[in-house]
Amino acid sequence: MKLHIGGQQVKEGWKILNIQANPGVDYVGNISDLSQFPDRSIDTIYASHVFEHVPVSAVPQTLSGMFRVLKSGGKAMVSVPDMDVLCQSFINPAFDLQTRFTILRMMFGGQIDANDFHYFGWNFAVMRHFFDEAGFASFERVDSFGLFEDTSESRPFGFPISLNVVATK
């Protein structure tokens, strides 16, 4: 099974887990509780701009759950707002106030509903630490996953704002 956490775009070969019961969602649930999936039952997990919605205190449990459901050699593909890029962009004197407001919403969430708040900011070193602690065998940054038309590919200012990583069990 390939599991798209937080997804909305239906794609052949993928099942969608979302916190909201929307059309095309196969499983309703939270990334921090994957108890509805058996051990070693998933080949690939894809989560674009979901991890920032997890409280830092729940990150170890969340990654432990992902590790548990992934098959040996399974991959977790995760995209988050890249705090290194966003912080540099926020202090860029070339950006006006409206652009800086947009960057703040990328950092802290759009805040359009109760699920659209960011609890934590990520960069490569911080994310690698948590994935290493969870037992993942390898961890690498990638430019693109090339899977879905989503925020992992976003370039609102002409450059990518997402940290895209692949962690292998």
N, C-alpha and C. Protein backbone atom coordinates (compact mmCIF):
# COMPACT_ATOMS: atom_id res chain seq x y z
N MET A 1 0.84 -1.18 0.00
CA MET A 1 0.00 0.00 0.00
C MET A 1 0.88 1.25 0.00
N LYS A 2 0.43 2.26 -0.71
CA LYS A 2 1.04 3.58 -0.67
C LYS A 2 0.03 4.51 -0.01
N LEU A 3 0.47 5.20 1.04
CA LEU A 3 -0.43 6.04 1.84
C LEU A 3 -0.06 7.50 1.71
N HIS A 4 -1.02 8.31 1.26
CA HIS A 4 -0.85 9.75 1.12
C HIS A 4 -1.54 10.41 2.32
N ILE A 5 -0.74 10.86 3.27
CA ILE A 5 -1.29 11.46 4.49
C ILE A 5 -1.54 12.95 4.27
N GLY A 6 -2.75 13.38 4.55
CA GLY A 6 -3.11 14.78 4.37
C GLY A 6 -3.48 15.12 2.95
N GLY A 7 -3.56 14.12 2.11
CA GLY A 7 -3.81 14.36 0.69
C GLY A 7 -5.24 14.66 0.35
N GLN A 8 -5.41 15.20 -0.84
CA GLN A 8 -6.72 15.47 -1.40
C GLN A 8 -6.82 14.96 -2.83
N GLN A 9 -5.68 14.89 -3.50
CA GLN A 9 -5.63 14.50 -4.90
C GLN A 9 -5.67 12.97 -5.02
N VAL A 10 -6.75 12.46 -5.62
CA VAL A 10 -6.88 11.02 -5.83
C VAL A 10 -5.92 10.62 -6.94
N LYS A 11 -5.17 9.54 -6.69
CA LYS A 11 -4.21 9.06 -7.68
C LYS A 11 -4.18 7.54 -7.60
N GLU A 12 -4.22 6.90 -8.75
CA GLU A 12 -4.22 5.44 -8.80
C GLU A 12 -3.02 4.87 -8.04
N GLY A 13 -3.29 3.85 -7.24
CA GLY A 13 -2.24 3.19 -6.47
C GLY A 13 -2.00 3.79 -5.09
N TRP A 14 -2.66 4.90 -4.79
CA TRP A 14 -2.48 5.58 -3.50
C TRP A 14 -3.79 5.58 -2.72
N LYS A 15 -3.69 5.42 -1.42
CA LYS A 15 -4.81 5.59 -0.49
C LYS A 15 -4.57 6.89 0.27
N ILE A 16 -5.64 7.59 0.59
CA ILE A 16 -5.54 8.87 1.28
C ILE A 16 -6.02 8.75 2.72
N LEU A 17 -5.17 9.24 3.64
CA LEU A 17 -5.53 9.41 5.04
C LEU A 17 -5.58 10.91 5.29
N ASN A 18 -6.71 11.40 5.77
CA ASN A 18 -6.85 12.82 6.03
C ASN A 18 -7.59 13.00 7.35
N ILE A 19 -7.31 14.08 8.03
CA ILE A 19 -7.98 14.38 9.30
C ILE A 19 -9.44 14.78 9.07
N GLN A 20 -9.76 15.17 7.83
CA GLN A 20 -11.11 15.57 7.48
C GLN A 20 -11.70 14.59 6.46
N ALA A 21 -12.95 14.23 6.64
CA ALA A 21 -13.63 13.31 5.73
C ALA A 21 -14.07 14.07 4.48
N ASN A 22 -13.22 14.10 3.49
CA ASN A 22 -13.49 14.78 2.23
C ASN A 22 -13.68 13.76 1.13
N PRO A 23 -14.24 14.16 -0.01
CA PRO A 23 -14.33 13.23 -1.14
C PRO A 23 -12.95 12.68 -1.51
N GLY A 24 -12.88 11.37 -1.76
CA GLY A 24 -11.63 10.74 -2.14
C GLY A 24 -10.80 10.26 -0.98
N VAL A 25 -11.17 10.62 0.25
CA VAL A 25 -10.41 10.19 1.43
C VAL A 25 -10.80 8.74 1.76
N ASP A 26 -9.80 7.88 1.85
CA ASP A 26 -10.03 6.46 2.15
C ASP A 26 -10.06 6.18 3.64
N TYR A 27 -9.25 6.92 4.40
CA TYR A 27 -9.16 6.73 5.84
C TYR A 27 -9.21 8.10 6.51
N VAL A 28 -10.03 8.23 7.53
CA VAL A 28 -10.07 9.45 8.32
C VAL A 28 -9.22 9.19 9.56
N GLY A 29 -8.29 10.08 9.81
CA GLY A 29 -7.43 9.91 10.97
C GLY A 29 -6.34 10.94 11.01
N ASN A 30 -5.49 10.77 12.00
CA ASN A 30 -4.44 11.73 12.32
C ASN A 30 -3.09 11.08 12.08
N ILE A 31 -2.16 11.81 11.53
CA ILE A 31 -0.82 11.29 11.28
C ILE A 31 -0.16 10.76 12.54
N SER A 32 -0.55 11.28 13.69
CA SER A 32 0.06 10.85 14.95
C SER A 32 -0.55 9.57 15.52
N ASP A 33 -1.58 9.04 14.86
CA ASP A 33 -2.20 7.79 15.30
C ASP A 33 -2.49 6.93 14.07
N LEU A 34 -1.54 6.07 13.76
CA LEU A 34 -1.69 5.17 12.61
C LEU A 34 -2.11 3.77 13.05
N SER A 35 -2.79 3.69 14.20
CA SER A 35 -3.17 2.39 14.78
C SER A 35 -4.15 1.62 13.89
N GLN A 36 -4.80 2.27 12.95
CA GLN A 36 -5.72 1.56 12.07
C GLN A 36 -4.99 0.75 10.99
N PHE A 37 -3.65 0.88 10.94
CA PHE A 37 -2.86 0.15 9.95
C PHE A 37 -1.98 -0.89 10.65
N PRO A 38 -1.94 -2.12 10.09
CA PRO A 38 -1.10 -3.17 10.70
C PRO A 38 0.40 -2.88 10.56
N ASP A 39 1.17 -3.53 11.39
CA ASP A 39 2.64 -3.44 11.31
C ASP A 39 3.09 -3.85 9.92
N ARG A 40 4.11 -3.13 9.42
CA ARG A 40 4.77 -3.46 8.15
C ARG A 40 3.78 -3.68 7.01
N SER A 41 2.76 -2.82 6.90
CA SER A 41 1.72 -2.98 5.88
C SER A 41 1.82 -1.95 4.76
N ILE A 42 2.74 -0.98 4.88
CA ILE A 42 2.78 0.13 3.93
C ILE A 42 4.16 0.21 3.28
N ASP A 43 4.17 0.34 1.96
CA ASP A 43 5.41 0.46 1.21
C ASP A 43 5.96 1.88 1.25
N THR A 44 5.05 2.85 1.09
CA THR A 44 5.45 4.25 0.98
C THR A 44 4.45 5.12 1.72
N ILE A 45 4.97 6.08 2.47
CA ILE A 45 4.15 7.11 3.09
C ILE A 45 4.57 8.44 2.48
N TYR A 46 3.58 9.21 2.07
CA TYR A 46 3.84 10.55 1.53
C TYR A 46 3.05 11.54 2.37
N ALA A 47 3.73 12.57 2.88
CA ALA A 47 3.06 13.59 3.70
C ALA A 47 3.64 14.95 3.33
N SER A 48 2.86 15.73 2.61
CA SER A 48 3.30 17.06 2.20
C SER A 48 2.62 18.11 3.06
N HIS A 49 3.43 18.87 3.76
CA HIS A 49 2.98 19.97 4.61
C HIS A 49 1.95 19.50 5.63
N VAL A 50 2.34 18.42 6.33
CA VAL A 50 1.53 17.84 7.40
C VAL A 50 2.29 17.88 8.73
N PHE A 51 3.59 17.59 8.69
CA PHE A 51 4.38 17.48 9.92
C PHE A 51 4.41 18.76 10.75
N GLU A 52 4.33 19.90 10.13
CA GLU A 52 4.34 21.15 10.89
C GLU A 52 3.07 21.31 11.73
N HIS A 53 2.05 20.49 11.45
CA HIS A 53 0.80 20.51 12.22
C HIS A 53 0.84 19.57 13.41
N VAL A 54 1.98 18.91 13.62
CA VAL A 54 2.14 17.98 14.74
C VAL A 54 2.88 18.69 15.87
N PRO A 55 2.32 18.71 17.08
CA PRO A 55 3.06 19.30 18.20
C PRO A 55 4.40 18.59 18.39
N VAL A 56 5.44 19.34 18.71
CA VAL A 56 6.78 18.74 18.84
C VAL A 56 6.79 17.61 19.86
N SER A 57 5.95 17.68 20.88
CA SER A 57 5.89 16.61 21.88
C SER A 57 5.35 15.31 21.29
N ALA A 58 4.62 15.39 20.19
CA ALA A 58 4.04 14.20 19.54
C ALA A 58 4.89 13.69 18.37
N VAL A 59 5.97 14.38 18.03
CA VAL A 59 6.79 13.97 16.89
C VAL A 59 7.41 12.58 17.09
N PRO A 60 8.01 12.27 18.24
CA PRO A 60 8.57 10.92 18.40
C PRO A 60 7.52 9.82 18.22
N GLN A 61 6.35 9.99 18.82
CA GLN A 61 5.25 9.02 18.68
C GLN A 61 4.81 8.92 17.22
N THR A 62 4.73 10.05 16.54
CA THR A 62 4.30 10.07 15.15
C THR A 62 5.29 9.30 14.27
N LEU A 63 6.57 9.57 14.45
CA LEU A 63 7.58 8.87 13.66
C LEU A 63 7.66 7.39 14.02
N SER A 64 7.47 7.07 15.28
CA SER A 64 7.44 5.68 15.70
C SER A 64 6.30 4.93 15.00
N GLY A 65 5.16 5.58 14.90
CA GLY A 65 4.02 4.98 14.21
C GLY A 65 4.29 4.79 12.73
N MET A 66 4.92 5.77 12.11
CA MET A 66 5.28 5.63 10.69
C MET A 66 6.27 4.50 10.51
N PHE A 67 7.26 4.44 11.37
CA PHE A 67 8.27 3.39 11.29
C PHE A 67 7.61 2.02 11.44
N ARG A 68 6.68 1.90 12.37
CA ARG A 68 6.01 0.63 12.63
C ARG A 68 5.24 0.13 11.41
N VAL A 69 4.50 1.01 10.73
CA VAL A 69 3.65 0.56 9.62
C VAL A 69 4.42 0.38 8.32
N LEU A 70 5.60 0.98 8.21
CA LEU A 70 6.38 0.81 6.98
C LEU A 70 7.01 -0.58 6.92
N LYS A 71 7.00 -1.14 5.71
CA LYS A 71 7.70 -2.40 5.47
C LYS A 71 9.19 -2.14 5.52
N SER A 72 9.97 -3.19 5.71
CA SER A 72 11.43 -3.06 5.66
C SER A 72 11.83 -2.49 4.30
N GLY A 73 12.64 -1.45 4.30
CA GLY A 73 13.02 -0.78 3.07
C GLY A 73 11.99 0.23 2.58
N GLY A 74 10.88 0.37 3.34
CA GLY A 74 9.84 1.32 2.98
C GLY A 74 10.33 2.75 3.10
N LYS A 75 9.65 3.64 2.39
CA LYS A 75 10.08 5.03 2.34
C LYS A 75 9.01 5.96 2.90
N ALA A 76 9.50 6.94 3.66
CA ALA A 76 8.65 8.05 4.11
C ALA A 76 9.11 9.28 3.34
N MET A 77 8.22 9.83 2.54
CA MET A 77 8.50 11.05 1.78
C MET A 77 7.76 12.18 2.47
N VAL A 78 8.54 13.12 2.99
CA VAL A 78 7.96 14.18 3.82
C VAL A 78 8.39 15.54 3.29
N SER A 79 7.42 16.43 3.19
CA SER A 79 7.69 17.81 2.79
C SER A 79 7.13 18.73 3.87
N VAL A 80 7.92 19.73 4.24
CA VAL A 80 7.52 20.72 5.23
C VAL A 80 7.99 22.10 4.77
N PRO A 81 7.40 23.17 5.30
CA PRO A 81 7.98 24.48 5.03
C PRO A 81 9.42 24.52 5.55
N ASP A 82 10.34 24.95 4.73
CA ASP A 82 11.75 24.99 5.11
C ASP A 82 12.02 26.28 5.87
N MET A 83 12.19 26.16 7.18
CA MET A 83 12.37 27.36 8.01
C MET A 83 13.62 28.13 7.65
N ASP A 84 14.68 27.47 7.19
CA ASP A 84 15.88 28.19 6.78
C ASP A 84 15.55 29.14 5.63
N VAL A 85 14.84 28.63 4.64
CA VAL A 85 14.47 29.45 3.47
C VAL A 85 13.48 30.54 3.88
N LEU A 86 12.49 30.19 4.68
CA LEU A 86 11.46 31.17 5.05
C LEU A 86 12.03 32.29 5.94
N CYS A 87 12.92 31.95 6.86
CA CYS A 87 13.53 32.99 7.70
C CYS A 87 14.38 33.94 6.87
N GLN A 88 15.17 33.39 5.96
CA GLN A 88 15.98 34.24 5.09
C GLN A 88 15.09 35.13 4.22
N SER A 89 13.98 34.56 3.75
CA SER A 89 13.06 35.32 2.91
C SER A 89 12.38 36.43 3.70
N PHE A 90 12.00 36.12 4.95
CA PHE A 90 11.30 37.11 5.77
C PHE A 90 12.14 38.36 6.01
N ILE A 91 13.45 38.19 6.16
CA ILE A 91 14.31 39.35 6.42
C ILE A 91 14.88 39.97 5.14
N ASN A 92 14.49 39.45 4.00
CA ASN A 92 14.97 39.98 2.72
C ASN A 92 14.39 41.39 2.51
N PRO A 93 15.23 42.42 2.43
CA PRO A 93 14.71 43.79 2.29
C PRO A 93 13.98 44.03 0.96
N ALA A 94 14.13 43.14 0.01
CA ALA A 94 13.44 43.31 -1.28
C ALA A 94 11.95 42.97 -1.18
N PHE A 95 11.55 42.25 -0.12
CA PHE A 95 10.15 41.85 0.01
C PHE A 95 9.35 42.89 0.79
N ASP A 96 8.17 43.20 0.28
CA ASP A 96 7.30 44.19 0.92
C ASP A 96 6.52 43.54 2.07
N LEU A 97 5.73 44.36 2.75
CA LEU A 97 4.99 43.91 3.92
C LEU A 97 4.02 42.78 3.58
N GLN A 98 3.31 42.87 2.47
CA GLN A 98 2.35 41.82 2.08
C GLN A 98 3.06 40.49 1.86
N THR A 99 4.23 40.52 1.23
CA THR A 99 5.00 39.30 1.01
C THR A 99 5.46 38.72 2.33
N ARG A 100 5.89 39.57 3.24
CA ARG A 100 6.32 39.10 4.56
C ARG A 100 5.15 38.49 5.34
N PHE A 101 3.97 39.06 5.18
CA PHE A 101 2.78 38.49 5.81
C PHE A 101 2.52 37.09 5.24
N THR A 102 2.66 36.92 3.94
CA THR A 102 2.50 35.61 3.31
C THR A 102 3.52 34.62 3.86
N ILE A 103 4.75 35.06 4.04
CA ILE A 103 5.79 34.19 4.59
C ILE A 103 5.45 33.79 6.03
N LEU A 104 4.93 34.72 6.82
CA LEU A 104 4.52 34.39 8.19
C LEU A 104 3.43 33.31 8.20
N ARG A 105 2.51 33.38 7.26
CA ARG A 105 1.45 32.36 7.18
C ARG A 105 2.03 31.00 6.77
N MET A 106 3.10 31.03 5.98
CA MET A 106 3.77 29.77 5.64
C MET A 106 4.46 29.19 6.87
N MET A 107 4.96 30.07 7.73
CA MET A 107 5.63 29.63 8.96
C MET A 107 4.64 29.14 10.01
N PHE A 108 3.56 29.87 10.20
CA PHE A 108 2.65 29.62 11.33
C PHE A 108 1.30 29.03 10.93
N GLY A 109 1.10 28.81 9.66
CA GLY A 109 -0.16 28.25 9.17
C GLY A 109 -1.06 29.34 8.63
N GLY A 110 -1.91 28.93 7.71
CA GLY A 110 -2.85 29.87 7.11
C GLY A 110 -3.94 30.29 8.08
N GLN A 111 -4.20 29.44 9.07
CA GLN A 111 -5.15 29.70 10.14
C GLN A 111 -6.56 29.96 9.63
N ILE A 112 -6.95 29.17 8.59
CA ILE A 112 -8.29 29.31 8.03
C ILE A 112 -9.30 28.37 8.69
N ASP A 113 -8.80 27.35 9.43
CA ASP A 113 -9.67 26.49 10.22
C ASP A 113 -8.86 25.95 11.41
N ALA A 114 -9.50 25.16 12.24
CA ALA A 114 -8.86 24.68 13.48
C ALA A 114 -7.66 23.77 13.23
N ASN A 115 -7.54 23.20 12.03
CA ASN A 115 -6.42 22.31 11.71
C ASN A 115 -5.29 23.02 10.99
N ASP A 116 -5.46 24.30 10.70
CA ASP A 116 -4.50 25.02 9.85
C ASP A 116 -3.55 25.91 10.66
N PHE A 117 -3.00 25.33 11.72
CA PHE A 117 -2.01 26.01 12.55
C PHE A 117 -0.74 25.17 12.57
N HIS A 118 0.40 25.81 12.56
CA HIS A 118 1.68 25.10 12.62
C HIS A 118 2.22 25.14 14.04
N TYR A 119 2.56 23.97 14.54
CA TYR A 119 3.08 23.85 15.89
C TYR A 119 4.59 23.95 15.97
N PHE A 120 5.27 23.67 14.84
CA PHE A 120 6.72 23.51 14.89
C PHE A 120 7.31 23.88 13.55
N GLY A 121 8.54 24.36 13.58
CA GLY A 121 9.26 24.70 12.35
C GLY A 121 10.38 23.70 12.10
N TRP A 122 10.61 23.40 10.84
CA TRP A 122 11.56 22.36 10.46
C TRP A 122 12.65 22.90 9.55
N ASN A 123 13.86 22.38 9.77
CA ASN A 123 14.92 22.51 8.77
C ASN A 123 15.56 21.13 8.66
N PHE A 124 16.53 20.99 7.77
CA PHE A 124 17.10 19.67 7.50
C PHE A 124 17.70 19.03 8.75
N ALA A 125 18.49 19.78 9.50
CA ALA A 125 19.18 19.22 10.67
C ALA A 125 18.20 18.75 11.74
N VAL A 126 17.17 19.55 11.99
CA VAL A 126 16.18 19.18 13.02
C VAL A 126 15.41 17.94 12.58
N MET A 127 14.98 17.93 11.33
CA MET A 127 14.22 16.78 10.84
C MET A 127 15.08 15.52 10.86
N ARG A 128 16.31 15.63 10.41
CA ARG A 128 17.20 14.47 10.40
C ARG A 128 17.36 13.90 11.82
N HIS A 129 17.51 14.78 12.81
CA HIS A 129 17.64 14.33 14.20
C HIS A 129 16.46 13.44 14.59
N PHE A 130 15.24 13.91 14.33
CA PHE A 130 14.06 13.15 14.74
C PHE A 130 13.94 11.83 13.98
N PHE A 131 14.24 11.83 12.69
CA PHE A 131 14.17 10.60 11.90
C PHE A 131 15.25 9.61 12.35
N ASP A 132 16.45 10.11 12.65
CA ASP A 132 17.50 9.23 13.18
C ASP A 132 17.07 8.61 14.49
N GLU A 133 16.50 9.41 15.38
CA GLU A 133 16.03 8.92 16.68
C GLU A 133 14.95 7.84 16.52
N ALA A 134 14.15 7.95 15.46
CA ALA A 134 13.07 6.98 15.23
C ALA A 134 13.58 5.68 14.62
N GLY A 135 14.86 5.66 14.19
CA GLY A 135 15.44 4.42 13.69
C GLY A 135 15.53 4.30 12.19
N PHE A 136 15.20 5.34 11.45
CA PHE A 136 15.28 5.26 9.99
C PHE A 136 16.74 5.08 9.57
N ALA A 137 16.95 4.24 8.54
CA ALA A 137 18.30 3.86 8.11
C ALA A 137 18.98 4.93 7.29
N SER A 138 18.21 5.65 6.49
CA SER A 138 18.81 6.72 5.67
C SER A 138 17.84 7.88 5.57
N PHE A 139 18.42 9.02 5.23
CA PHE A 139 17.65 10.27 5.21
C PHE A 139 18.32 11.19 4.20
N GLU A 140 17.59 11.61 3.17
CA GLU A 140 18.19 12.49 2.16
C GLU A 140 17.22 13.55 1.68
N ARG A 141 17.78 14.70 1.34
CA ARG A 141 17.01 15.81 0.79
C ARG A 141 16.87 15.60 -0.71
N VAL A 142 15.69 15.88 -1.24
CA VAL A 142 15.45 15.80 -2.68
C VAL A 142 14.82 17.11 -3.14
N ASP A 143 15.05 17.47 -4.38
CA ASP A 143 14.46 18.69 -4.92
C ASP A 143 12.95 18.53 -5.12
N SER A 144 12.55 17.35 -5.59
CA SER A 144 11.15 17.13 -5.91
C SER A 144 10.82 15.65 -5.78
N PHE A 145 9.58 15.36 -5.45
CA PHE A 145 9.10 13.98 -5.44
C PHE A 145 8.48 13.63 -6.79
N GLY A 146 7.94 14.64 -7.48
CA GLY A 146 7.31 14.41 -8.77
C GLY A 146 6.07 13.54 -8.70
N LEU A 147 5.35 13.58 -7.59
CA LEU A 147 4.20 12.70 -7.41
C LEU A 147 2.86 13.41 -7.47
N PHE A 148 2.74 14.51 -6.76
CA PHE A 148 1.46 15.20 -6.63
C PHE A 148 1.66 16.69 -6.91
N GLU A 149 0.59 17.32 -7.33
CA GLU A 149 0.60 18.78 -7.51
C GLU A 149 0.18 19.38 -6.17
N ASP A 150 1.18 19.65 -5.34
CA ASP A 150 0.89 20.15 -4.00
C ASP A 150 1.98 21.11 -3.55
N THR A 151 1.95 21.44 -2.27
CA THR A 151 2.86 22.46 -1.74
C THR A 151 4.32 22.04 -1.77
N SER A 152 4.60 20.75 -1.88
CA SER A 152 6.00 20.31 -1.95
C SER A 152 6.71 20.90 -3.17
N GLU A 153 5.95 21.29 -4.17
CA GLU A 153 6.50 21.85 -5.41
C GLU A 153 6.39 23.37 -5.47
N SER A 154 5.87 23.99 -4.42
CA SER A 154 5.56 25.42 -4.43
C SER A 154 6.81 26.31 -4.57
N ARG A 155 6.69 27.30 -5.44
CA ARG A 155 7.75 28.29 -5.68
C ARG A 155 7.11 29.69 -5.77
N PRO A 156 6.47 30.14 -4.70
CA PRO A 156 5.72 31.40 -4.80
C PRO A 156 6.59 32.64 -5.03
N PHE A 157 7.87 32.55 -4.75
CA PHE A 157 8.76 33.70 -4.92
C PHE A 157 9.84 33.40 -5.97
N GLY A 158 9.63 32.33 -6.74
CA GLY A 158 10.60 31.95 -7.76
C GLY A 158 11.61 30.92 -7.29
N PHE A 159 11.53 30.50 -6.04
CA PHE A 159 12.43 29.47 -5.49
C PHE A 159 11.60 28.59 -4.57
N PRO A 160 12.04 27.32 -4.37
CA PRO A 160 11.26 26.40 -3.53
C PRO A 160 11.25 26.83 -2.06
N ILE A 161 10.10 26.67 -1.43
CA ILE A 161 9.96 27.02 -0.02
C ILE A 161 9.83 25.78 0.86
N SER A 162 9.90 24.60 0.24
CA SER A 162 9.71 23.35 0.97
C SER A 162 11.01 22.58 1.14
N LEU A 163 11.10 21.93 2.28
CA LEU A 163 12.14 20.95 2.55
C LEU A 163 11.52 19.61 2.22
N ASN A 164 12.05 18.92 1.21
CA ASN A 164 11.55 17.62 0.77
C ASN A 164 12.60 16.57 1.10
N VAL A 165 12.19 15.56 1.86
CA VAL A 165 13.12 14.51 2.27
C VAL A 165 12.52 13.13 2.05
N VAL A 166 13.41 12.17 1.85
CA VAL A 166 13.04 10.76 1.77
C VAL A 166 13.82 10.03 2.85
N ALA A 167 13.08 9.38 3.75
CA ALA A 167 13.69 8.57 4.81
C ALA A 167 13.33 7.12 4.53
N THR A 168 14.32 6.26 4.62
CA THR A 168 14.12 4.84 4.34
C THR A 168 14.25 4.04 5.63
N LYS A 169 13.34 3.12 5.82
CA LYS A 169 13.35 2.25 7.02
C LYS A 169 14.42 1.20 6.86
